[in-house]
Every structure is written in C-alpha cells, then in structure tokens.
Amino acid sequence: MNNVGEIIVIDSIKCRQFNVQELMYVLKANAPIFWSWGACDFKADNVQNATFFRMTVSGHHHKGHVYIALNAFDLYDVYLTTNRGTIKQRTPEMGLYFDQLVDWIDEKVERIAEYED
C-alpha cells in the first residue's frame, strides 16, 4: 500500500506525531529554494501534533502534492502525488533525515542543474 502508481491512503501511513511549525522551519531554512517550488495550500491534521503534512507545489519537474510524515525511525517519508492522489515518487523505505528533506524535495520538484553554473 502507498506505492508508486497507487492512490495515497493517508490513514495507512505508519507515522508518528510531529510539530508542523518545526517542519516548516526546516523547509523554509533556505527560503528561495522553498518558494521556488510554488508551495501553497498547506494542510495538516493538527499544527502541534500532526501525523501528516501536505502542500501543493508547481515546480519544473513536479506539479501536484507533497505529503510528509514522520515514520517510526524518526525519519521523514515523502510522497509526491498528482492532484488526484496518485503516487508518482516516494522516498526510500527507511526515509530521510531532516537535513536531507529540502535537497530531496528540491531535486524531485524544481532543481535544474544548469542554474548552478
């Protein structure tokens, strides 16, 4: 369940509660990168103790939703879906450390290597 090509089922994501404000601080640490994704429509089931976070993005490589959840290993699972919920990409099974989140999302949503030259 919740594999590439399937419709995301939020209730089946095995995740822990986390503070969305802290997650936003990590995501916005490099504000130009974060806002280059066209991020908007932020949603969580609870701000202080959320079990998932979703935002809509409109980047060069991906347009749709980005779901973020904290798994049992204290690592983040990220799902990139279409606007209708079909999973296009997801993080490796173990997840990402907080300091890998922005780079991984940017690589999948917006990063263009030619801009770095």
N, C-alpha and C. Protein backbone atom coordinates (compact mmCIF):
# COMPACT_ATOMS: atom_id res chain seq x y z
N MET A 1 0.84 -1.17 0.00
CA MET A 1 0.00 0.00 0.00
C MET A 1 0.89 1.25 0.00
N ASN A 2 0.42 2.29 -0.63
CA ASN A 2 1.14 3.56 -0.77
C ASN A 2 2.45 3.40 -1.53
N ASN A 3 2.36 2.66 -2.63
CA ASN A 3 3.50 2.51 -3.52
C ASN A 3 3.29 3.35 -4.77
N VAL A 4 4.35 3.56 -5.52
CA VAL A 4 4.27 4.34 -6.76
C VAL A 4 3.20 3.74 -7.66
N GLY A 5 2.35 4.60 -8.22
CA GLY A 5 1.28 4.18 -9.11
C GLY A 5 -0.05 3.99 -8.41
N GLU A 6 -0.06 3.92 -7.09
CA GLU A 6 -1.29 3.75 -6.33
C GLU A 6 -1.81 5.10 -5.83
N ILE A 7 -3.06 5.13 -5.43
CA ILE A 7 -3.64 6.31 -4.80
C ILE A 7 -3.18 6.31 -3.33
N ILE A 8 -2.72 7.45 -2.86
CA ILE A 8 -2.24 7.54 -1.48
C ILE A 8 -3.41 7.36 -0.50
N VAL A 9 -3.16 6.57 0.53
CA VAL A 9 -4.13 6.35 1.60
C VAL A 9 -3.47 6.85 2.89
N ILE A 10 -3.82 8.05 3.29
CA ILE A 10 -3.16 8.70 4.42
C ILE A 10 -3.30 7.89 5.70
N ASP A 11 -4.47 7.32 5.93
CA ASP A 11 -4.70 6.56 7.16
C ASP A 11 -3.80 5.34 7.29
N SER A 12 -3.26 4.87 6.19
CA SER A 12 -2.43 3.66 6.25
C SER A 12 -0.93 3.99 6.39
N ILE A 13 -0.57 5.27 6.35
CA ILE A 13 0.83 5.64 6.52
C ILE A 13 1.18 5.48 8.00
N LYS A 14 2.15 4.62 8.27
CA LYS A 14 2.59 4.40 9.65
C LYS A 14 3.46 5.58 10.05
N CYS A 15 2.94 6.46 10.88
CA CYS A 15 3.70 7.66 11.22
C CYS A 15 3.48 8.07 12.66
N ARG A 16 4.38 8.90 13.12
CA ARG A 16 4.35 9.46 14.45
C ARG A 16 3.89 10.90 14.38
N GLN A 17 3.47 11.43 15.50
CA GLN A 17 3.08 12.83 15.54
C GLN A 17 4.32 13.71 15.56
N PHE A 18 4.21 14.89 14.92
CA PHE A 18 5.30 15.85 14.89
C PHE A 18 4.72 17.25 14.85
N ASN A 19 5.57 18.23 15.12
CA ASN A 19 5.16 19.62 15.15
C ASN A 19 5.33 20.22 13.77
N VAL A 20 4.25 20.65 13.15
CA VAL A 20 4.29 21.20 11.80
C VAL A 20 5.11 22.49 11.74
N GLN A 21 5.05 23.31 12.78
CA GLN A 21 5.82 24.55 12.80
C GLN A 21 7.32 24.26 12.72
N GLU A 22 7.77 23.21 13.40
CA GLU A 22 9.18 22.83 13.32
C GLU A 22 9.53 22.33 11.92
N LEU A 23 8.63 21.56 11.32
CA LEU A 23 8.86 21.10 9.95
C LEU A 23 8.95 22.28 8.99
N MET A 24 8.05 23.25 9.13
CA MET A 24 8.09 24.43 8.26
C MET A 24 9.39 25.21 8.44
N TYR A 25 9.91 25.25 9.66
CA TYR A 25 11.19 25.91 9.91
C TYR A 25 12.30 25.23 9.11
N VAL A 26 12.30 23.90 9.11
CA VAL A 26 13.30 23.13 8.34
C VAL A 26 13.13 23.39 6.85
N LEU A 27 11.90 23.33 6.36
CA LEU A 27 11.65 23.52 4.92
C LEU A 27 12.01 24.93 4.46
N LYS A 28 11.74 25.92 5.30
CA LYS A 28 11.98 27.32 4.92
C LYS A 28 13.37 27.82 5.30
N ALA A 29 14.24 26.94 5.80
CA ALA A 29 15.59 27.36 6.19
C ALA A 29 16.32 27.98 5.01
N ASN A 30 16.06 27.50 3.82
CA ASN A 30 16.57 28.11 2.60
C ASN A 30 15.34 28.59 1.82
N ALA A 31 14.84 29.75 2.19
CA ALA A 31 13.58 30.27 1.66
C ALA A 31 13.52 30.34 0.13
N PRO A 32 14.58 30.80 -0.57
CA PRO A 32 14.47 30.85 -2.03
C PRO A 32 14.21 29.49 -2.66
N ILE A 33 14.82 28.45 -2.12
CA ILE A 33 14.58 27.10 -2.66
C ILE A 33 13.13 26.70 -2.36
N PHE A 34 12.70 26.88 -1.12
CA PHE A 34 11.33 26.50 -0.74
C PHE A 34 10.29 27.20 -1.61
N TRP A 35 10.41 28.50 -1.77
CA TRP A 35 9.41 29.23 -2.54
C TRP A 35 9.52 28.98 -4.04
N SER A 36 10.67 28.49 -4.52
CA SER A 36 10.79 28.16 -5.95
C SER A 36 9.91 26.97 -6.34
N TRP A 37 9.47 26.22 -5.36
CA TRP A 37 8.58 25.09 -5.64
C TRP A 37 7.15 25.54 -5.93
N GLY A 38 6.86 26.81 -5.73
CA GLY A 38 5.48 27.28 -5.87
C GLY A 38 4.60 26.72 -4.77
N ALA A 39 5.17 26.52 -3.60
CA ALA A 39 4.47 25.89 -2.48
C ALA A 39 3.29 26.74 -2.01
N CYS A 40 2.16 26.08 -1.79
CA CYS A 40 0.96 26.74 -1.30
C CYS A 40 0.00 25.69 -0.74
N ASP A 41 -1.15 26.12 -0.30
CA ASP A 41 -2.20 25.21 0.20
C ASP A 41 -1.68 24.23 1.24
N PHE A 42 -1.08 24.74 2.28
CA PHE A 42 -0.51 23.91 3.34
C PHE A 42 -1.64 23.30 4.17
N LYS A 43 -1.51 22.01 4.46
CA LYS A 43 -2.55 21.32 5.22
C LYS A 43 -1.92 20.31 6.17
N ALA A 44 -2.45 20.26 7.38
CA ALA A 44 -2.05 19.25 8.36
C ALA A 44 -3.28 18.93 9.19
N ASP A 45 -3.30 17.76 9.78
CA ASP A 45 -4.46 17.42 10.58
C ASP A 45 -4.43 18.09 11.95
N ASN A 46 -3.25 18.59 12.37
CA ASN A 46 -3.12 19.33 13.62
C ASN A 46 -1.76 20.03 13.58
N VAL A 47 -1.69 21.27 13.99
CA VAL A 47 -0.43 22.02 13.89
C VAL A 47 0.60 21.56 14.92
N GLN A 48 0.17 21.30 16.14
CA GLN A 48 1.13 20.93 17.19
C GLN A 48 1.52 19.46 17.14
N ASN A 49 0.60 18.58 16.84
CA ASN A 49 0.88 17.15 16.84
C ASN A 49 0.30 16.49 15.59
N ALA A 50 0.79 16.90 14.45
CA ALA A 50 0.27 16.39 13.18
C ALA A 50 0.80 14.99 12.91
N THR A 51 0.04 14.23 12.15
CA THR A 51 0.52 12.93 11.69
C THR A 51 0.89 12.97 10.22
N PHE A 52 0.52 14.05 9.53
CA PHE A 52 0.97 14.25 8.16
C PHE A 52 0.90 15.74 7.83
N PHE A 53 1.65 16.12 6.81
CA PHE A 53 1.65 17.49 6.30
C PHE A 53 1.54 17.39 4.79
N ARG A 54 0.76 18.26 4.19
CA ARG A 54 0.63 18.26 2.74
C ARG A 54 0.73 19.69 2.23
N MET A 55 1.41 19.84 1.10
CA MET A 55 1.44 21.13 0.41
C MET A 55 1.29 20.87 -1.09
N THR A 56 0.80 21.86 -1.77
CA THR A 56 0.71 21.80 -3.22
C THR A 56 1.93 22.50 -3.78
N VAL A 57 2.54 21.91 -4.81
CA VAL A 57 3.71 22.52 -5.45
C VAL A 57 3.46 22.62 -6.95
N SER A 58 4.18 23.53 -7.57
CA SER A 58 4.10 23.71 -9.02
C SER A 58 5.51 23.99 -9.53
N GLY A 59 6.33 22.96 -9.49
CA GLY A 59 7.73 23.10 -9.88
C GLY A 59 7.97 22.70 -11.33
N HIS A 60 9.22 22.77 -11.72
CA HIS A 60 9.62 22.42 -13.08
C HIS A 60 9.42 20.93 -13.37
N HIS A 61 9.72 20.07 -12.38
CA HIS A 61 9.64 18.62 -12.57
C HIS A 61 8.35 18.00 -12.05
N HIS A 62 7.76 18.61 -11.04
CA HIS A 62 6.57 18.01 -10.43
C HIS A 62 5.55 19.09 -10.09
N LYS A 63 4.33 18.81 -10.49
CA LYS A 63 3.18 19.65 -10.14
C LYS A 63 2.16 18.74 -9.48
N GLY A 64 1.77 19.09 -8.27
CA GLY A 64 0.83 18.25 -7.54
C GLY A 64 1.01 18.45 -6.05
N HIS A 65 0.92 17.36 -5.29
CA HIS A 65 1.04 17.45 -3.85
C HIS A 65 2.32 16.80 -3.36
N VAL A 66 2.79 17.28 -2.21
CA VAL A 66 3.90 16.68 -1.48
C VAL A 66 3.38 16.37 -0.09
N TYR A 67 3.37 15.09 0.28
CA TYR A 67 2.97 14.65 1.61
C TYR A 67 4.23 14.32 2.40
N ILE A 68 4.27 14.75 3.66
CA ILE A 68 5.41 14.47 4.53
C ILE A 68 4.87 13.88 5.83
N ALA A 69 5.49 12.77 6.26
CA ALA A 69 5.12 12.12 7.52
C ALA A 69 6.39 11.68 8.24
N LEU A 70 6.34 11.61 9.55
CA LEU A 70 7.46 11.17 10.37
C LEU A 70 7.25 9.70 10.70
N ASN A 71 8.18 8.83 10.29
CA ASN A 71 7.98 7.40 10.49
C ASN A 71 8.51 6.92 11.85
N ALA A 72 8.41 5.64 12.11
CA ALA A 72 8.79 5.05 13.39
C ALA A 72 10.29 5.17 13.68
N PHE A 73 11.10 5.41 12.67
CA PHE A 73 12.55 5.55 12.85
C PHE A 73 12.96 7.01 13.06
N ASP A 74 11.99 7.90 13.25
CA ASP A 74 12.23 9.35 13.35
C ASP A 74 12.83 9.91 12.08
N LEU A 75 12.48 9.32 10.96
CA LEU A 75 12.89 9.79 9.64
C LEU A 75 11.63 10.20 8.89
N TYR A 76 11.79 11.03 7.89
CA TYR A 76 10.64 11.54 7.14
C TYR A 76 10.37 10.72 5.88
N ASP A 77 9.12 10.36 5.70
CA ASP A 77 8.65 9.75 4.47
C ASP A 77 8.00 10.85 3.64
N VAL A 78 8.36 10.93 2.37
CA VAL A 78 7.82 11.96 1.49
C VAL A 78 7.20 11.28 0.29
N TYR A 79 5.99 11.69 -0.05
CA TYR A 79 5.27 11.16 -1.20
C TYR A 79 4.94 12.32 -2.13
N LEU A 80 5.27 12.17 -3.41
CA LEU A 80 4.88 13.16 -4.41
C LEU A 80 3.73 12.56 -5.19
N THR A 81 2.59 13.26 -5.19
CA THR A 81 1.40 12.73 -5.85
C THR A 81 0.85 13.73 -6.86
N THR A 82 0.01 13.22 -7.72
CA THR A 82 -0.74 14.10 -8.61
C THR A 82 -1.79 14.82 -7.76
N ASN A 83 -2.48 15.77 -8.35
CA ASN A 83 -3.55 16.46 -7.63
C ASN A 83 -4.70 15.50 -7.28
N ARG A 84 -4.78 14.39 -7.95
CA ARG A 84 -5.82 13.39 -7.67
C ARG A 84 -5.35 12.30 -6.72
N GLY A 85 -4.07 12.38 -6.28
CA GLY A 85 -3.60 11.46 -5.24
C GLY A 85 -2.79 10.27 -5.71
N THR A 86 -2.54 10.13 -7.00
CA THR A 86 -1.72 9.01 -7.48
C THR A 86 -0.26 9.28 -7.15
N ILE A 87 0.38 8.32 -6.48
CA ILE A 87 1.77 8.49 -6.06
C ILE A 87 2.69 8.38 -7.28
N LYS A 88 3.47 9.43 -7.51
CA LYS A 88 4.43 9.45 -8.62
C LYS A 88 5.83 9.04 -8.16
N GLN A 89 6.23 9.49 -6.97
CA GLN A 89 7.53 9.17 -6.40
C GLN A 89 7.40 9.15 -4.89
N ARG A 90 8.33 8.45 -4.25
CA ARG A 90 8.37 8.45 -2.80
C ARG A 90 9.80 8.24 -2.34
N THR A 91 10.07 8.56 -1.09
CA THR A 91 11.41 8.38 -0.54
C THR A 91 11.72 6.90 -0.40
N PRO A 92 13.00 6.58 -0.22
CA PRO A 92 13.36 5.18 0.04
C PRO A 92 12.64 4.68 1.29
N GLU A 93 12.50 3.38 1.46
CA GLU A 93 11.75 2.78 2.55
C GLU A 93 12.13 3.31 3.93
N MET A 94 13.39 3.52 4.21
CA MET A 94 13.81 3.98 5.54
C MET A 94 13.45 5.44 5.79
N GLY A 95 13.34 6.25 4.76
CA GLY A 95 13.00 7.65 4.93
C GLY A 95 14.23 8.56 4.85
N LEU A 96 14.03 9.83 5.17
CA LEU A 96 15.07 10.85 5.08
C LEU A 96 15.29 11.50 6.44
N TYR A 97 16.55 11.85 6.71
CA TYR A 97 16.85 12.66 7.88
C TYR A 97 16.38 14.08 7.60
N PHE A 98 16.13 14.87 8.66
CA PHE A 98 15.58 16.21 8.48
C PHE A 98 16.48 17.07 7.59
N ASP A 99 17.81 16.86 7.66
CA ASP A 99 18.72 17.69 6.86
C ASP A 99 18.79 17.25 5.40
N GLN A 100 18.11 16.17 5.04
CA GLN A 100 18.04 15.72 3.65
C GLN A 100 16.74 16.12 2.97
N LEU A 101 15.77 16.55 3.76
CA LEU A 101 14.43 16.83 3.24
C LEU A 101 14.40 17.84 2.10
N VAL A 102 14.95 19.01 2.33
CA VAL A 102 14.87 20.08 1.32
C VAL A 102 15.59 19.67 0.04
N ASP A 103 16.78 19.10 0.15
CA ASP A 103 17.51 18.69 -1.06
C ASP A 103 16.75 17.63 -1.85
N TRP A 104 16.18 16.64 -1.15
CA TRP A 104 15.45 15.58 -1.85
C TRP A 104 14.22 16.14 -2.55
N ILE A 105 13.45 16.96 -1.84
CA ILE A 105 12.24 17.54 -2.44
C ILE A 105 12.62 18.45 -3.61
N ASP A 106 13.65 19.28 -3.43
CA ASP A 106 14.06 20.19 -4.49
C ASP A 106 14.51 19.42 -5.73
N GLU A 107 15.23 18.34 -5.54
CA GLU A 107 15.69 17.52 -6.67
C GLU A 107 14.51 16.98 -7.47
N LYS A 108 13.46 16.58 -6.78
CA LYS A 108 12.29 15.97 -7.44
C LYS A 108 11.30 17.00 -7.97
N VAL A 109 11.27 18.21 -7.37
CA VAL A 109 10.25 19.20 -7.74
C VAL A 109 10.78 20.27 -8.68
N GLU A 110 11.99 20.80 -8.43
CA GLU A 110 12.37 22.02 -9.14
C GLU A 110 13.81 22.08 -9.66
N ARG A 111 14.78 21.51 -8.98
CA ARG A 111 16.20 21.75 -9.29
C ARG A 111 16.54 21.53 -10.76
N ILE A 112 17.21 22.51 -11.31
CA ILE A 112 17.71 22.44 -12.69
C ILE A 112 19.23 22.67 -12.62
N ALA A 113 19.99 21.67 -13.03
CA ALA A 113 21.45 21.70 -12.88
C ALA A 113 22.07 22.91 -13.58
N GLU A 114 21.54 23.33 -14.70
CA GLU A 114 22.13 24.44 -15.46
C GLU A 114 22.13 25.73 -14.66
N TYR A 115 21.22 25.88 -13.70
CA TYR A 115 21.16 27.09 -12.90
C TYR A 115 22.34 27.21 -11.96
N GLU A 116 22.98 26.08 -11.63
CA GLU A 116 24.09 26.09 -10.70
C GLU A 116 25.39 26.59 -11.33
N ASP A 117 25.48 26.63 -12.63
CA ASP A 117 26.71 27.06 -13.32
C ASP A 117 26.91 28.56 -13.25
